[in-house]
Amino acid sequence: MAKAKSAFVCTECGAEYRKWQGQCTSCQEWNTLTEVKLASARPGSGTTTGRTGYAGDLSRDVVDLSNVDLSEVPRLSSTFAEFDRVLGGGLVPGSAVLLGGNPGAGKSTLLLQTACKLAQQRRILYVTGEESLSQVAMRAHRLQLPTNGLKMLAETSVETILAVAEREKPEILVIDSIQTMHLEDISSAPGGVAQVRESAAALTRFAKQTNTVLLLVGHVTKDGTLAGPKVLEHMIDASLLLEGGADSRFRTLRGQKNRFGAVNELGVFAMLEQGLKEVKNPSAIFLSRQEEQAPGSLVMVVWEGTRPILVEVQALVDESALVNPRRVAVGVDQNRLAMLLAVLNRHGGLFTGDPGCIS
């Protein structure tokens, strides 16, 4: 057995260092280096990593760029038009998609709905590492989803998952979630930097070599970023974020990275008793339903990807008892608000900088 090596990895950008230091020289962040144990390649394993049997064949032929087939890769519909819109037209075989979001946003619900509907026509393997099979079955029954045909596996070992996937040969592989997966060769606990990085690398490598669609569920931190090393976002092909407030039943799906489509597309869902339902007309939820128009309100059109959306913007100016009036904005960047007020003052003749005004 080769001696395990140690390295220090930045949790923000994934840069590696031989020894610990206070600041990461790649992303300039402080106190982000974490020690991880890295296992060397096993003697005679015939692979470049020594962790799984999917490290790549070194005897592959080099192909000239002019000889690469330019035919469009057929996409698989997720059965959700809003989901397909954000993906750029559907799921691409051999791609790795990471779906992140806050707890309770509906990540597992969205993927379970997608998997149950697609299982009627295609081979799907749903791997759950956080919930038991009975919990997933109860959710599917509550959402009134078709459960026949969907292959389920409750496992957290990546080696076991890859062995089962090689036997079942699914067209779509769902992992819920990547933070619970682990490799036997990595000594750190599941959810650590090394485990998340190496587990995602092994699963992505399998998806690329077998032309399988890989759907990963990822948790987010308190500041809204995906948990785990930043290198995880570089491995996958698409990174999607499902957002929604605790006091709202609407969910928005945005693309943060997409190698097969645009990243400015927006998908809107509503969380109902039967699960997530697509919102065909998102403009209706951004407009007030009052018969009389409120003072200071204005309806404007904004572009989200390839779709125009009507939104209502309201402005209020009132007297202020403070020496320096406050500038408060909800849903609008504070710097953009300052620029708009400057434009109104310069070109519109509307001065809101009086000490007696608050906007």
Protein backbone atom coordinates (compact mmCIF):
# COMPACT_ATOMS: atom_id res chain seq x y z
CA MET A 1 0.00 0.00 0.00
CA ALA A 2 1.47 3.32 -1.06
CA LYS A 3 1.87 5.96 1.59
CA ALA A 4 -0.93 8.52 1.65
CA LYS A 5 0.13 12.04 0.82
CA SER A 6 -1.15 15.23 2.32
CA ALA A 7 -1.98 18.49 0.57
CA PHE A 8 -3.59 21.79 1.47
CA VAL A 9 -6.53 22.77 -0.72
CA CYS A 10 -8.28 26.15 -0.87
CA THR A 11 -12.01 25.75 -0.25
CA GLU A 12 -12.77 28.79 -2.42
CA CYS A 13 -10.87 28.15 -5.65
CA GLY A 14 -9.51 24.60 -5.25
CA ALA A 15 -5.84 25.58 -5.51
CA GLU A 16 -3.42 23.08 -3.93
CA TYR A 17 -0.32 23.80 -1.84
CA ARG A 18 2.36 21.57 -0.33
CA LYS A 19 2.25 23.35 3.02
CA TRP A 20 -0.16 25.56 4.91
CA GLN A 21 -0.18 29.31 4.49
CA GLY A 22 -2.52 32.03 5.68
CA GLN A 23 -3.56 33.43 2.30
CA CYS A 24 -4.37 31.66 -0.94
CA THR A 25 -2.29 33.28 -3.65
CA SER A 26 -4.78 32.26 -6.36
CA CYS A 27 -7.98 33.85 -5.06
CA GLN A 28 -6.41 36.11 -2.38
CA GLU A 29 -8.72 34.76 0.34
CA TRP A 30 -7.50 34.30 3.92
CA ASN A 31 -7.71 31.17 6.10
CA THR A 32 -9.27 28.99 3.39
CA LEU A 33 -6.62 26.24 3.18
CA THR A 34 -7.70 22.84 4.48
CA GLU A 35 -5.51 19.78 4.83
CA VAL A 36 -6.66 16.74 2.87
CA LYS A 37 -5.27 13.24 2.53
CA LEU A 38 -4.55 12.11 -1.01
CA ALA A 39 -3.94 8.46 -1.82
CA SER A 40 -1.31 7.56 -4.39
CA ALA A 41 -2.04 5.29 -7.33
CA ARG A 42 -2.03 1.61 -6.55
CA PRO A 43 0.79 -0.38 -8.13
CA GLY A 44 -0.37 -2.21 -11.22
CA SER A 45 -3.79 -0.61 -11.21
CA GLY A 46 -3.39 0.53 -14.80
CA THR A 47 -5.08 3.83 -14.08
CA THR A 48 -3.85 7.38 -13.71
CA THR A 49 -5.59 8.03 -10.37
CA GLY A 50 -5.70 4.67 -8.63
CA ARG A 51 -9.13 5.41 -7.12
CA THR A 52 -11.62 3.94 -9.57
CA GLY A 53 -11.58 1.96 -12.76
CA TYR A 54 -12.71 4.94 -14.83
CA ALA A 55 -9.49 6.92 -14.96
CA GLY A 56 -9.30 6.93 -18.74
CA ASP A 57 -7.57 4.86 -21.41
CA LEU A 58 -4.11 6.20 -22.21
CA SER A 59 -4.15 4.46 -25.58
CA ARG A 60 -6.86 6.65 -27.07
CA ASP A 61 -6.07 8.01 -30.52
CA VAL A 62 -5.50 11.71 -31.09
CA VAL A 63 -8.13 13.21 -33.42
CA ASP A 64 -7.64 16.17 -35.71
CA LEU A 65 -10.02 19.03 -34.98
CA SER A 66 -11.21 19.15 -38.59
CA ASN A 67 -12.36 15.51 -38.35
CA VAL A 68 -14.58 16.03 -35.30
CA ASP A 69 -18.25 15.29 -35.98
CA LEU A 70 -20.23 18.53 -35.90
CA SER A 71 -23.67 16.93 -35.88
CA GLU A 72 -25.89 18.30 -33.14
CA VAL A 73 -26.16 16.09 -30.06
CA PRO A 74 -29.79 15.07 -29.46
CA ARG A 75 -31.15 16.36 -26.19
CA LEU A 76 -33.42 14.60 -23.74
CA SER A 77 -36.44 16.50 -22.51
CA SER A 78 -36.77 16.73 -18.74
CA THR A 79 -40.60 16.83 -19.12
CA PHE A 80 -40.47 20.40 -17.72
CA ALA A 81 -40.41 23.17 -20.31
CA GLU A 82 -38.99 25.62 -17.75
CA PHE A 83 -36.24 23.16 -16.80
CA ASP A 84 -35.38 22.60 -20.46
CA ARG A 85 -35.29 26.37 -21.05
CA VAL A 86 -32.63 26.91 -18.37
CA LEU A 87 -30.65 23.88 -19.60
CA GLY A 88 -30.57 25.31 -23.11
CA GLY A 89 -33.03 22.91 -24.71
CA GLY A 90 -32.84 19.76 -22.59
CA LEU A 91 -30.43 17.26 -21.08
CA VAL A 92 -27.30 16.47 -23.09
CA PRO A 93 -26.04 12.84 -22.97
CA GLY A 94 -22.66 12.66 -21.25
CA SER A 95 -23.15 15.95 -19.40
CA ALA A 96 -22.90 16.63 -15.66
CA VAL A 97 -25.48 19.02 -14.19
CA LEU A 98 -25.25 20.36 -10.63
CA LEU A 99 -28.50 21.59 -9.05
CA GLY A 100 -28.03 23.69 -5.93
CA GLY A 101 -30.37 25.49 -3.57
CA ASN A 102 -31.27 26.19 0.03
CA PRO A 103 -32.81 23.45 2.19
CA GLY A 104 -36.48 23.14 1.32
CA ALA A 105 -36.16 24.91 -2.03
CA GLY A 106 -37.35 21.82 -3.88
CA LYS A 107 -34.19 20.33 -5.40
CA SER A 108 -35.05 16.73 -4.57
CA THR A 109 -38.69 17.28 -5.47
CA LEU A 110 -37.81 18.63 -8.91
CA LEU A 111 -35.42 15.78 -9.70
CA LEU A 112 -37.80 13.14 -8.32
CA GLN A 113 -40.62 14.47 -10.50
CA THR A 114 -38.29 14.48 -13.50
CA ALA A 115 -36.97 10.99 -12.79
CA CYS A 116 -40.41 9.43 -12.26
CA LYS A 117 -41.79 10.85 -15.50
CA LEU A 118 -38.71 9.98 -17.57
CA ALA A 119 -38.58 6.45 -16.10
CA GLN A 120 -41.66 5.57 -18.13
CA GLN A 121 -39.57 5.84 -21.30
CA ARG A 122 -35.90 5.69 -20.31
CA ARG A 123 -33.57 3.89 -17.89
CA ILE A 124 -33.12 6.00 -14.76
CA LEU A 125 -31.06 5.26 -11.65
CA TYR A 126 -31.86 7.44 -8.64
CA VAL A 127 -29.26 7.28 -5.85
CA THR A 128 -30.23 8.75 -2.50
CA GLY A 129 -27.61 9.32 0.16
CA GLU A 130 -29.59 11.47 2.59
CA GLU A 131 -32.98 9.77 2.72
CA SER A 132 -34.10 6.18 2.95
CA LEU A 133 -35.92 4.46 0.12
CA SER A 134 -39.16 4.54 2.11
CA GLN A 135 -38.91 8.32 2.53
CA VAL A 136 -38.45 8.81 -1.21
CA ALA A 137 -41.33 6.43 -1.93
CA MET A 138 -43.59 8.32 0.50
CA ARG A 139 -42.78 11.61 -1.22
CA ALA A 140 -43.47 10.12 -4.64
CA HIS A 141 -46.80 8.75 -3.39
CA ARG A 142 -47.73 12.12 -1.87
CA LEU A 143 -46.95 13.87 -5.16
CA GLN A 144 -48.97 11.24 -7.04
CA LEU A 145 -46.06 10.35 -9.31
CA PRO A 146 -45.74 7.15 -11.37
CA THR A 147 -43.26 4.97 -9.51
CA ASN A 148 -42.99 1.96 -11.81
CA GLY A 149 -39.78 1.72 -13.81
CA LEU A 150 -37.63 3.98 -11.62
CA LYS A 151 -34.57 2.17 -10.24
CA MET A 152 -33.66 3.28 -6.71
CA LEU A 153 -30.45 2.84 -4.72
CA ALA A 154 -29.67 4.01 -1.17
CA GLU A 155 -25.87 4.24 -1.13
CA THR A 156 -23.08 6.70 -0.36
CA SER A 157 -20.05 4.75 -1.60
CA VAL A 158 -18.97 5.99 -5.02
CA GLU A 159 -17.29 2.67 -5.84
CA THR A 160 -20.55 0.78 -5.21
CA ILE A 161 -22.59 3.33 -7.17
CA LEU A 162 -20.27 3.07 -10.18
CA ALA A 163 -20.41 -0.73 -10.06
CA VAL A 164 -24.23 -0.71 -9.96
CA ALA A 165 -24.40 1.92 -12.71
CA GLU A 166 -22.08 -0.13 -14.91
CA ARG A 167 -24.41 -3.11 -14.47
CA GLU A 168 -27.71 -1.24 -14.89
CA LYS A 169 -26.43 1.06 -17.70
CA PRO A 170 -28.82 3.95 -16.99
CA GLU A 171 -29.33 6.81 -19.41
CA ILE A 172 -29.74 9.25 -16.52
CA LEU A 173 -27.99 8.98 -13.14
CA VAL A 174 -29.28 11.12 -10.25
CA ILE A 175 -27.09 11.64 -7.15
CA ASP A 176 -28.79 13.17 -4.10
CA SER A 177 -26.56 14.64 -2.84
CA ILE A 178 -22.88 15.00 -3.74
CA GLN A 179 -22.02 16.13 -0.18
CA THR A 180 -22.94 12.66 1.15
CA MET A 181 -20.80 10.67 -1.30
CA HIS A 182 -17.40 9.28 -0.34
CA LEU A 183 -14.50 7.27 -1.77
CA GLU A 184 -12.78 4.56 0.25
CA ASP A 185 -9.29 5.83 -0.62
CA ILE A 186 -9.95 9.29 0.86
CA SER A 187 -9.56 9.39 4.61
CA SER A 188 -11.59 12.57 5.20
CA ALA A 189 -15.29 12.54 6.11
CA PRO A 190 -18.06 12.90 3.50
CA GLY A 191 -18.70 16.52 2.64
CA GLY A 192 -15.05 17.48 2.98
CA VAL A 193 -13.06 19.20 0.26
CA ALA A 194 -11.26 16.08 -0.90
CA GLN A 195 -14.33 13.82 -0.79
CA VAL A 196 -16.55 16.20 -2.73
CA ARG A 197 -13.90 16.90 -5.33
CA GLU A 198 -12.82 13.30 -5.93
CA SER A 199 -16.35 11.89 -5.77
CA ALA A 200 -17.58 14.40 -8.34
CA ALA A 201 -14.55 13.69 -10.53
CA ALA A 202 -15.18 9.92 -10.50
CA LEU A 203 -18.89 10.30 -11.25
CA THR A 204 -18.29 12.87 -13.99
CA ARG A 205 -15.63 10.65 -15.57
CA PHE A 206 -18.09 7.75 -15.64
CA ALA A 207 -20.78 9.95 -17.22
CA LYS A 208 -18.42 11.15 -19.96
CA GLN A 209 -17.19 7.67 -20.84
CA THR A 210 -20.63 6.01 -20.83
CA ASN A 211 -22.60 8.92 -22.36
CA THR A 212 -24.81 9.09 -19.26
CA VAL A 213 -26.61 12.21 -18.07
CA LEU A 214 -25.41 12.95 -14.52
CA LEU A 215 -27.63 15.05 -12.25
CA LEU A 216 -26.04 16.08 -8.95
CA VAL A 217 -27.75 17.75 -6.00
CA GLY A 218 -25.59 20.24 -4.10
CA HIS A 219 -26.16 22.19 -0.91
CA VAL A 220 -25.47 25.90 -0.55
CA THR A 221 -23.82 27.85 2.25
CA LYS A 222 -25.30 30.73 4.24
CA ASP A 223 -24.10 33.29 1.68
CA GLY A 224 -25.88 31.46 -1.15
CA THR A 225 -22.85 29.82 -2.77
CA LEU A 226 -22.50 26.11 -3.46
CA ALA A 227 -20.91 24.20 -0.61
CA GLY A 228 -17.63 22.45 -1.30
CA PRO A 229 -14.54 23.43 -3.26
CA LYS A 230 -14.80 25.85 -6.17
CA VAL A 231 -13.14 23.26 -8.37
CA LEU A 232 -16.44 21.35 -8.27
CA GLU A 233 -18.03 24.03 -10.45
CA HIS A 234 -15.21 23.66 -12.98
CA MET A 235 -15.75 19.90 -13.32
CA ILE A 236 -19.42 19.95 -14.20
CA ASP A 237 -20.99 21.20 -17.44
CA ALA A 238 -23.93 23.12 -15.99
CA SER A 239 -24.52 24.68 -12.58
CA LEU A 240 -28.13 25.60 -11.75
CA LEU A 241 -29.49 27.34 -8.66
CA LEU A 242 -33.05 26.89 -7.41
CA GLU A 243 -34.06 29.92 -5.36
CA GLY A 244 -37.15 30.80 -3.37
CA GLY A 245 -37.99 32.65 -0.20
CA ALA A 246 -39.44 30.94 2.84
CA ASP A 247 -42.58 33.11 2.61
CA SER A 248 -43.16 32.54 -1.09
CA ARG A 249 -44.46 29.52 -2.97
CA PHE A 250 -42.67 30.53 -6.15
CA ARG A 251 -39.26 29.15 -7.12
CA THR A 252 -36.86 30.51 -9.74
CA LEU A 253 -34.31 28.37 -11.53
CA ARG A 254 -31.24 30.19 -12.86
CA GLY A 255 -28.14 28.99 -14.66
CA GLN A 256 -24.78 30.03 -13.21
CA LYS A 257 -22.79 28.02 -15.75
CA ASN A 258 -23.87 26.16 -18.87
CA ARG A 259 -21.61 24.76 -21.56
CA PHE A 260 -24.59 23.83 -23.73
CA GLY A 261 -26.65 27.02 -23.54
CA ALA A 262 -27.01 30.54 -22.19
CA VAL A 263 -26.73 31.35 -18.50
CA ASN A 264 -29.25 34.21 -18.46
CA GLU A 265 -32.35 32.06 -18.86
CA LEU A 266 -34.93 32.00 -16.07
CA GLY A 267 -37.32 29.22 -15.13
CA VAL A 268 -40.24 29.89 -12.78
CA PHE A 269 -42.03 27.21 -10.75
CA ALA A 270 -44.76 27.20 -8.12
CA MET A 271 -44.58 24.86 -5.13
CA LEU A 272 -47.95 23.18 -4.73
CA GLU A 273 -49.23 20.11 -2.86
CA GLN A 274 -48.52 18.04 -5.99
CA GLY A 275 -44.92 19.29 -6.18
CA LEU A 276 -43.37 21.87 -8.46
CA LYS A 277 -45.55 23.16 -11.28
CA GLU A 278 -44.40 25.33 -14.15
CA VAL A 279 -45.52 28.95 -14.32
CA LYS A 280 -46.40 29.56 -17.95
CA ASN A 281 -46.88 33.33 -17.52
CA PRO A 282 -44.26 34.65 -15.05
CA SER A 283 -45.38 38.25 -15.66
CA ALA A 284 -48.57 37.58 -13.70
CA ILE A 285 -46.67 37.05 -10.44
CA PHE A 286 -44.64 40.25 -10.80
CA LEU A 287 -47.64 42.56 -11.30
CA SER A 288 -50.05 43.80 -8.66
CA ARG A 289 -53.68 42.75 -9.00
CA GLN A 290 -55.17 46.07 -7.86
CA GLU A 291 -57.83 47.60 -10.01
CA GLU A 292 -56.41 51.11 -9.54
CA GLN A 293 -52.78 51.81 -10.23
CA ALA A 294 -50.85 52.83 -7.12
CA PRO A 295 -49.05 56.19 -7.15
CA GLY A 296 -45.39 55.89 -8.10
CA SER A 297 -45.78 52.50 -9.77
CA LEU A 298 -44.68 51.74 -13.30
CA VAL A 299 -44.88 48.60 -15.42
CA MET A 300 -41.76 47.89 -17.46
CA VAL A 301 -40.43 45.06 -19.60
CA VAL A 302 -37.20 43.25 -18.76
CA TRP A 303 -35.48 40.55 -20.76
CA GLU A 304 -34.55 37.30 -19.07
CA GLY A 305 -32.69 35.29 -21.68
CA THR A 306 -35.03 34.88 -24.63
CA ARG A 307 -38.24 35.77 -22.78
CA PRO A 308 -39.65 39.24 -21.99
CA ILE A 309 -41.20 39.60 -18.53
CA LEU A 310 -43.44 42.39 -17.27
CA VAL A 311 -42.51 43.68 -13.82
CA GLU A 312 -43.86 46.48 -11.70
CA VAL A 313 -41.49 49.03 -10.16
CA GLN A 314 -42.64 51.36 -7.39
CA ALA A 315 -40.92 54.52 -6.17
CA LEU A 316 -41.65 56.67 -3.13
CA VAL A 317 -40.25 60.06 -2.11
CA ASP A 318 -41.09 61.49 1.29
CA GLU A 319 -39.81 64.01 3.79
CA SER A 320 -37.02 62.91 6.10
CA ALA A 321 -36.22 64.04 9.62
CA LEU A 322 -32.58 63.05 9.14
CA VAL A 323 -29.85 65.43 8.06
CA ASN A 324 -28.71 62.99 5.37
CA PRO A 325 -31.72 61.43 3.62
CA ARG A 326 -31.65 57.67 3.18
CA ARG A 327 -31.76 55.91 -0.16
CA VAL A 328 -33.50 52.55 0.25
CA ALA A 329 -33.97 49.99 -2.54
CA VAL A 330 -35.64 46.57 -2.48
CA GLY A 331 -34.81 44.30 -5.41
CA VAL A 332 -32.60 46.94 -7.06
CA ASP A 333 -28.85 47.30 -6.65
CA GLN A 334 -27.93 50.22 -4.40
CA ASN A 335 -25.30 51.55 -6.83
CA ARG A 336 -27.81 51.42 -9.70
CA LEU A 337 -30.26 53.42 -7.58
CA ALA A 338 -27.62 56.11 -6.99
CA MET A 339 -26.93 56.26 -10.73
CA LEU A 340 -30.66 56.58 -11.55
CA LEU A 341 -31.05 59.42 -9.05
CA ALA A 342 -28.07 61.19 -10.59
CA VAL A 343 -29.56 60.84 -14.09
CA LEU A 344 -32.91 62.20 -12.86
CA ASN A 345 -31.17 65.16 -11.27
CA ARG A 346 -28.94 65.92 -14.25
CA HIS A 347 -31.27 65.35 -17.18
CA GLY A 348 -34.76 65.20 -15.67
CA GLY A 349 -34.61 68.18 -13.35
CA LEU A 350 -35.80 66.06 -10.41
CA PHE A 351 -33.70 66.83 -7.34
CA THR A 352 -34.04 64.34 -4.47
CA GLY A 353 -30.94 65.34 -2.53
CA ASP A 354 -32.70 67.84 -0.29
CA PRO A 355 -32.22 67.02 3.40
CA GLY A 356 -35.97 66.95 3.79
CA CYS A 357 -36.49 64.15 1.25
CA ILE A 358 -36.20 60.41 1.54
CA SER A 359 -36.49 58.09 -1.46
